[in-house]
């Protein structure tokens, strides 16, 4: 059978981040030992506590309408304004007698939509371009890489504030703007990860067997860069949630009365001396959710860490 007739099958990388083995490149002095140390470490119970909290927040936000909660915008004037926590209102009520617990749970929807939606847009733009540039290199890499440097040189926060101010405060517009602004940084991360695998032996073997570039990117490179992509994405979602909260605190996010964690913090400034619960509970919700995202993302990065040692 001729070489061209040999069917191509995806080759599993011996130095894949999903294995426990260590491999060395043949070549004597200067050879590179690729050590996959991550899977030897246990994720730990605290990792799963953080994962459980993230899942709980997402479920509460998604199924908020099914929970026994009052409408977040309902003004119950039978209760004194700025009343503290009670059996009927666990987090108390705000200056318009609206239930704070209901507004915190419904407000999570805005942060989740912006955080995960913007990160998905950033991955679709920067991630795809990063893989193509890191694999193809040459002129494609030079052009896209230079463009990313230009975009990163401009302060992203200033650009987001300017665009949102003139374009509008709708949720989908804020998500798109932040997603596009995050694409250059995501491009840099994915490109660097792709470069580290583009010249590995299993990729070279796949090329020799006649695999197409698309198949190599999807079957050989993508599974290996997926761990760093997931861990970075979680940390990126946390950063985007902070950015949206900052915009809301400046009055540049979605307008009221739609609740969001940032809007609630912004509205609470006038009544902090009278009702500290207005700021405490949305701040705790945002803090705990961001902390869990960062810890999970960082722990995954450590777990799948790949170190290269020159011999």
Protein backbone atom coordinates (compact mmCIF):
# COMPACT_ATOMS: atom_id res chain seq x y z
CA UNK A 1 0.00 0.00 0.00
CA UNK A 2 1.37 3.39 -0.90
CA UNK A 3 1.98 6.04 1.70
CA UNK A 4 -0.76 8.25 0.27
CA UNK A 5 -3.30 5.48 0.79
CA UNK A 6 -2.69 5.21 4.51
CA UNK A 7 -5.80 6.54 6.29
CA UNK A 8 -5.19 9.32 8.77
CA UNK A 9 -6.07 8.73 12.39
CA UNK A 10 -5.65 11.35 15.12
CA UNK A 11 -2.46 10.78 17.06
CA UNK A 12 -2.59 11.13 20.81
CA UNK A 13 0.14 13.37 22.08
CA UNK A 14 2.47 11.58 24.48
CA UNK A 15 3.07 14.92 26.15
CA UNK A 16 -0.59 15.84 26.35
CA UNK A 17 -1.67 17.72 29.45
CA UNK A 18 -4.18 14.98 30.13
CA UNK A 19 -1.53 12.31 30.79
CA UNK A 20 0.76 11.63 33.71
CA UNK A 21 3.76 10.61 31.62
CA UNK A 22 6.83 12.70 30.90
CA UNK A 23 8.45 12.71 27.47
CA UNK A 24 11.74 13.95 26.14
CA UNK A 25 12.64 15.16 22.67
CA UNK A 26 15.48 13.15 21.13
CA UNK A 27 18.51 15.23 20.33
CA UNK A 28 21.14 14.89 23.02
CA UNK A 29 22.28 18.13 24.60
CA UNK A 30 19.60 20.78 24.59
CA UNK A 31 16.77 18.27 24.51
CA UNK A 32 13.55 19.37 26.12
CA UNK A 33 11.85 17.36 28.83
CA UNK A 34 8.14 18.08 28.94
CA UNK A 35 6.82 17.30 32.37
CA UNK A 36 3.09 17.18 32.96
CA UNK A 37 2.98 17.74 36.69
CA UNK A 38 -0.61 18.94 37.01
CA UNK A 39 -2.57 15.68 37.06
CA UNK A 40 -0.40 14.44 39.93
CA UNK A 41 -2.07 17.01 42.17
CA UNK A 42 -5.52 16.59 43.59
CA UNK A 43 -7.99 19.37 43.02
CA UNK A 44 -8.99 19.34 46.68
CA UNK A 45 -12.28 19.72 48.48
CA UNK A 46 -12.22 23.52 48.45
CA UNK A 47 -12.10 23.46 44.64
CA UNK A 48 -15.36 21.52 44.58
CA UNK A 49 -16.93 23.87 47.13
CA UNK A 50 -16.15 26.77 44.81
CA UNK A 51 -17.52 24.84 41.81
CA UNK A 52 -20.69 24.10 43.77
CA UNK A 53 -21.12 27.77 44.65
CA UNK A 54 -20.68 28.84 41.01
CA UNK A 55 -23.24 26.26 39.88
CA UNK A 56 -25.66 27.34 42.63
CA UNK A 57 -25.45 31.01 41.64
CA UNK A 58 -26.03 30.11 37.99
CA UNK A 59 -29.03 27.92 38.83
CA UNK A 60 -30.56 30.57 41.09
CA UNK A 61 -30.20 33.19 38.37
CA UNK A 62 -31.59 30.97 35.61
CA UNK A 63 -34.56 29.66 37.61
CA UNK A 64 -35.25 32.81 39.63
CA UNK A 65 -38.77 33.06 38.22
CA UNK A 66 -39.61 29.63 39.67
CA UNK A 67 -38.47 30.50 43.18
CA UNK A 68 -40.89 31.82 45.83
CA UNK A 69 -39.56 35.36 45.47
CA UNK A 70 -41.46 38.62 44.99
CA UNK A 71 -41.02 40.58 41.80
CA UNK A 72 -37.67 42.41 42.16
CA UNK A 73 -39.32 45.68 41.12
CA UNK A 74 -42.45 45.31 43.29
CA UNK A 75 -42.74 48.13 45.83
CA UNK A 76 -44.41 46.76 48.96
CA UNK A 77 -45.38 49.94 50.78
CA UNK A 78 -46.89 47.88 53.60
CA UNK A 79 -43.29 47.47 54.78
CA UNK A 80 -41.31 50.50 55.96
CA UNK A 81 -38.63 51.60 53.53
CA UNK A 82 -35.07 50.50 54.34
CA UNK A 83 -36.32 47.89 56.80
CA UNK A 84 -33.66 45.43 57.93
CA UNK A 85 -33.62 41.63 57.51
CA UNK A 86 -36.67 39.79 58.79
CA UNK A 87 -38.41 36.42 58.47
CA UNK A 88 -40.37 37.66 55.44
CA UNK A 89 -37.45 39.49 53.83
CA UNK A 90 -34.17 37.78 54.65
CA UNK A 91 -32.01 40.57 53.24
CA UNK A 92 -34.37 43.41 54.13
CA UNK A 93 -35.88 45.93 51.70
CA UNK A 94 -34.46 48.98 49.94
CA UNK A 95 -35.53 52.62 49.93
CA UNK A 96 -38.49 51.77 47.68
CA UNK A 97 -39.54 48.76 49.80
CA UNK A 98 -38.31 46.27 47.21
CA UNK A 99 -37.04 42.90 48.42
CA UNK A 100 -33.21 42.92 48.41
CA UNK A 101 -32.85 39.12 48.22
CA UNK A 102 -34.99 39.02 45.10
CA UNK A 103 -33.01 41.84 43.51
CA UNK A 104 -29.67 40.18 44.34
CA UNK A 105 -30.75 36.90 42.71
CA UNK A 106 -32.28 38.55 39.64
CA UNK A 107 -29.32 40.91 39.47
CA UNK A 108 -26.99 37.94 39.02
CA UNK A 109 -28.50 37.45 35.56
CA UNK A 110 -26.92 40.63 34.25
CA UNK A 111 -23.46 39.73 35.52
CA UNK A 112 -23.71 36.18 34.18
CA UNK A 113 -24.96 37.25 30.75
CA UNK A 114 -22.28 39.90 30.36
CA UNK A 115 -19.50 37.76 31.85
CA UNK A 116 -20.06 34.52 29.96
CA UNK A 117 -21.48 36.19 26.84
CA UNK A 118 -18.55 38.59 26.44
CA UNK A 119 -16.05 35.79 27.07
CA UNK A 120 -17.75 33.66 24.39
CA UNK A 121 -17.44 36.53 21.91
CA UNK A 122 -13.81 37.07 22.87
CA UNK A 123 -13.04 33.37 22.40
CA UNK A 124 -14.83 33.28 19.07
CA UNK A 125 -12.73 36.19 17.81
CA UNK A 126 -9.43 36.06 19.64
CA UNK A 127 -9.37 32.30 20.21
CA UNK A 128 -9.90 31.35 16.58
CA UNK A 129 -7.43 33.94 15.32
CA UNK A 130 -4.91 32.88 17.98
CA UNK A 131 -5.03 29.25 16.88
CA UNK A 132 -4.72 30.14 13.20
CA UNK A 133 -1.87 32.60 13.75
CA UNK A 134 0.02 30.29 16.10
CA UNK A 135 -0.29 27.34 13.75
CA UNK A 136 0.22 28.98 10.36
CA UNK A 137 2.73 31.63 11.48
CA UNK A 138 4.37 33.57 8.67
CA UNK A 139 2.51 36.54 7.23
CA UNK A 140 -0.79 35.66 8.93
CA UNK A 141 0.84 35.63 12.35
CA UNK A 142 2.74 38.86 11.71
CA UNK A 143 -0.33 40.81 10.59
CA UNK A 144 -2.72 39.60 13.32
CA UNK A 145 -0.06 39.81 16.02
CA UNK A 146 0.76 43.40 15.09
CA UNK A 147 -2.93 44.31 15.16
CA UNK A 148 -3.26 42.83 18.65
CA UNK A 149 -0.37 44.95 19.90
CA UNK A 150 -2.05 48.08 18.55
CA UNK A 151 -5.37 47.23 20.24
CA UNK A 152 -3.70 46.33 23.55
CA UNK A 153 -1.83 49.64 23.55
CA UNK A 154 -5.14 51.49 23.86
CA UNK A 155 -6.70 51.39 27.37
CA UNK A 156 -9.60 48.93 27.13
CA UNK A 157 -11.57 50.48 29.98
CA UNK A 158 -11.49 53.92 28.37
CA UNK A 159 -12.60 52.44 25.05
CA UNK A 160 -15.47 50.51 26.65
CA UNK A 161 -16.69 53.57 28.56
CA UNK A 162 -16.54 55.76 25.45
CA UNK A 163 -18.33 53.27 23.19
CA UNK A 164 -21.03 52.43 25.74
CA UNK A 165 -21.63 56.12 26.44
CA UNK A 166 -22.30 56.94 22.78
CA UNK A 167 -23.77 53.63 21.57
CA UNK A 168 -26.21 52.92 24.37
CA UNK A 169 -26.66 50.99 27.62
CA UNK A 170 -28.57 47.97 26.36
CA UNK A 171 -27.40 44.65 27.75
CA UNK A 172 -26.52 43.14 24.39
CA UNK A 173 -24.52 46.20 23.38
CA UNK A 174 -22.49 46.12 26.60
CA UNK A 175 -21.83 42.40 26.09
CA UNK A 176 -20.62 42.90 22.52
CA UNK A 177 -18.39 45.85 23.39
CA UNK A 178 -16.69 44.08 26.30
CA UNK A 179 -16.37 40.87 24.26
CA UNK A 180 -14.63 42.62 21.38
CA UNK A 181 -12.39 44.51 23.83
CA UNK A 182 -11.29 41.23 25.44
CA UNK A 183 -10.42 39.56 22.11
CA UNK A 184 -6.81 40.89 21.79
CA UNK A 185 -5.76 39.53 25.19
CA UNK A 186 -7.44 36.18 24.52
CA UNK A 187 -5.66 36.10 21.17
CA UNK A 188 -2.29 36.46 22.90
CA UNK A 189 -3.02 33.62 25.34
CA UNK A 190 -4.33 31.17 22.73
CA UNK A 191 -1.58 32.03 20.24
CA UNK A 192 1.13 31.34 22.81
CA UNK A 193 -0.48 28.01 23.75
CA UNK A 194 -0.84 27.02 20.08
CA UNK A 195 2.79 27.89 19.33
CA UNK A 196 3.93 25.47 22.03
CA UNK A 197 2.16 22.56 20.28
CA UNK A 198 2.40 23.50 16.59
CA UNK A 199 5.85 21.92 16.16
CA UNK A 200 5.38 18.85 18.37
CA UNK A 201 6.10 15.42 16.95
CA UNK A 202 2.47 14.32 16.90
CA UNK A 203 1.51 17.40 14.85
CA UNK A 204 4.36 16.77 12.43
CA UNK A 205 3.27 13.14 12.12
CA UNK A 206 -0.31 14.20 11.38
CA UNK A 207 0.95 16.50 8.62
CA UNK A 208 3.03 13.69 7.16
CA UNK A 209 -0.05 11.46 7.06
CA UNK A 210 -1.88 14.08 5.02
CA UNK A 211 -4.18 15.55 7.66
CA UNK A 212 -5.68 18.91 6.74
CA UNK A 213 -4.89 22.04 8.73
CA UNK A 214 -8.45 22.18 10.02
CA UNK A 215 -8.30 18.59 11.23
CA UNK A 216 -4.96 19.15 12.95
CA UNK A 217 -6.25 22.26 14.70
CA UNK A 218 -9.42 20.54 15.90
CA UNK A 219 -8.11 17.04 16.64
CA UNK A 220 -4.53 17.57 17.72
CA UNK A 221 -4.00 21.12 19.02
CA UNK A 222 -7.40 22.12 20.41
CA UNK A 223 -7.65 19.24 22.95
CA UNK A 224 -4.20 20.12 24.29
CA UNK A 225 -4.83 23.85 24.70
CA UNK A 226 -8.32 23.33 26.11
CA UNK A 227 -7.21 23.23 29.80
CA UNK A 228 -5.45 26.59 29.66
CA UNK A 229 -8.36 28.00 27.66
CA UNK A 230 -10.91 26.92 30.29
CA UNK A 231 -8.85 28.15 33.24
CA UNK A 232 -8.14 31.50 31.59
CA UNK A 233 -11.79 31.87 30.55
CA UNK A 234 -13.02 31.50 34.13
CA UNK A 235 -10.60 34.16 35.35
CA UNK A 236 -11.61 36.31 32.39
CA UNK A 237 -15.30 35.99 33.27
CA UNK A 238 -14.50 37.24 36.77
CA UNK A 239 -12.67 40.24 35.32
CA UNK A 240 -15.56 41.04 32.99
CA UNK A 241 -18.06 40.85 35.85
CA UNK A 242 -15.95 43.40 37.74
CA UNK A 243 -15.86 45.61 34.64
CA UNK A 244 -19.64 45.48 34.25
CA UNK A 245 -20.04 46.27 37.93
CA UNK A 246 -17.73 49.25 37.53
CA UNK A 247 -19.76 50.50 34.57
CA UNK A 248 -22.97 50.09 36.58
CA UNK A 249 -21.43 51.96 39.51
CA UNK A 250 -20.69 54.82 37.11
CA UNK A 251 -24.25 54.69 35.75
CA UNK A 252 -23.10 53.33 32.36
CA UNK A 253 -24.62 49.85 32.55
CA UNK A 254 -28.25 48.82 32.06
CA UNK A 255 -30.66 51.48 33.36
CA UNK A 256 -32.98 50.90 36.31
CA UNK A 257 -35.21 49.55 37.58
CA UNK A 258 -33.63 46.37 36.18
CA UNK A 259 -31.51 45.03 39.05
CA UNK A 260 -27.84 44.20 38.76
CA UNK A 261 -25.15 43.91 41.41
CA UNK A 262 -23.43 47.05 40.16
CA UNK A 263 -26.67 49.03 39.97
CA UNK A 264 -27.58 48.04 43.50
CA UNK A 265 -24.20 49.21 44.79
CA UNK A 266 -24.62 52.48 42.91
CA UNK A 267 -28.12 53.05 44.32
CA UNK A 268 -27.02 52.24 47.87
CA UNK A 269 -24.57 55.13 48.17
CA UNK A 270 -27.24 57.61 49.26
CA UNK A 271 -28.63 55.36 51.99
CA UNK A 272 -25.52 53.73 53.48
CA UNK A 273 -25.95 55.53 56.80
CA UNK A 274 -29.58 54.44 57.04
CA UNK A 275 -29.51 50.98 55.47
CA UNK A 276 -26.08 49.30 55.10
CA UNK A 277 -27.80 46.09 53.89
CA UNK A 278 -28.34 47.76 50.52
CA UNK A 279 -24.61 47.57 49.78
CA UNK A 280 -23.60 44.62 51.95
CA UNK A 281 -25.57 41.81 50.29
CA UNK A 282 -24.91 42.62 46.60
CA UNK A 283 -21.25 43.23 47.49
CA UNK A 284 -21.03 39.85 49.24
CA UNK A 285 -22.74 38.14 46.31
CA UNK A 286 -20.31 39.66 43.80
CA UNK A 287 -17.27 39.05 46.02
CA UNK A 288 -18.05 35.39 46.71
CA UNK A 289 -18.87 34.64 43.06
CA UNK A 290 -15.71 36.34 41.77
CA UNK A 291 -13.57 34.65 44.42
CA UNK A 292 -14.94 31.24 43.45
CA UNK A 293 -14.32 31.89 39.73
CA UNK A 294 -10.75 33.01 40.35
CA UNK A 295 -9.94 30.10 42.66
CA UNK A 296 -11.40 27.51 40.27
CA UNK A 297 -9.61 29.03 37.27
CA UNK A 298 -6.29 29.27 39.10
CA UNK A 299 -6.58 25.74 40.50
CA UNK A 300 -7.28 24.34 37.04
CA UNK A 301 -4.24 26.18 35.72
CA UNK A 302 -2.08 24.58 38.40
CA UNK A 303 -3.66 21.18 37.88
CA UNK A 304 -2.91 21.12 34.15
CA UNK A 305 0.37 22.96 34.38
CA UNK A 306 2.99 21.90 31.81
CA UNK A 307 6.60 22.86 32.48
CA UNK A 308 9.49 22.50 30.08
CA UNK A 309 13.01 21.93 31.40
CA UNK A 310 16.03 22.13 29.10
CA UNK A 311 18.43 19.27 29.69
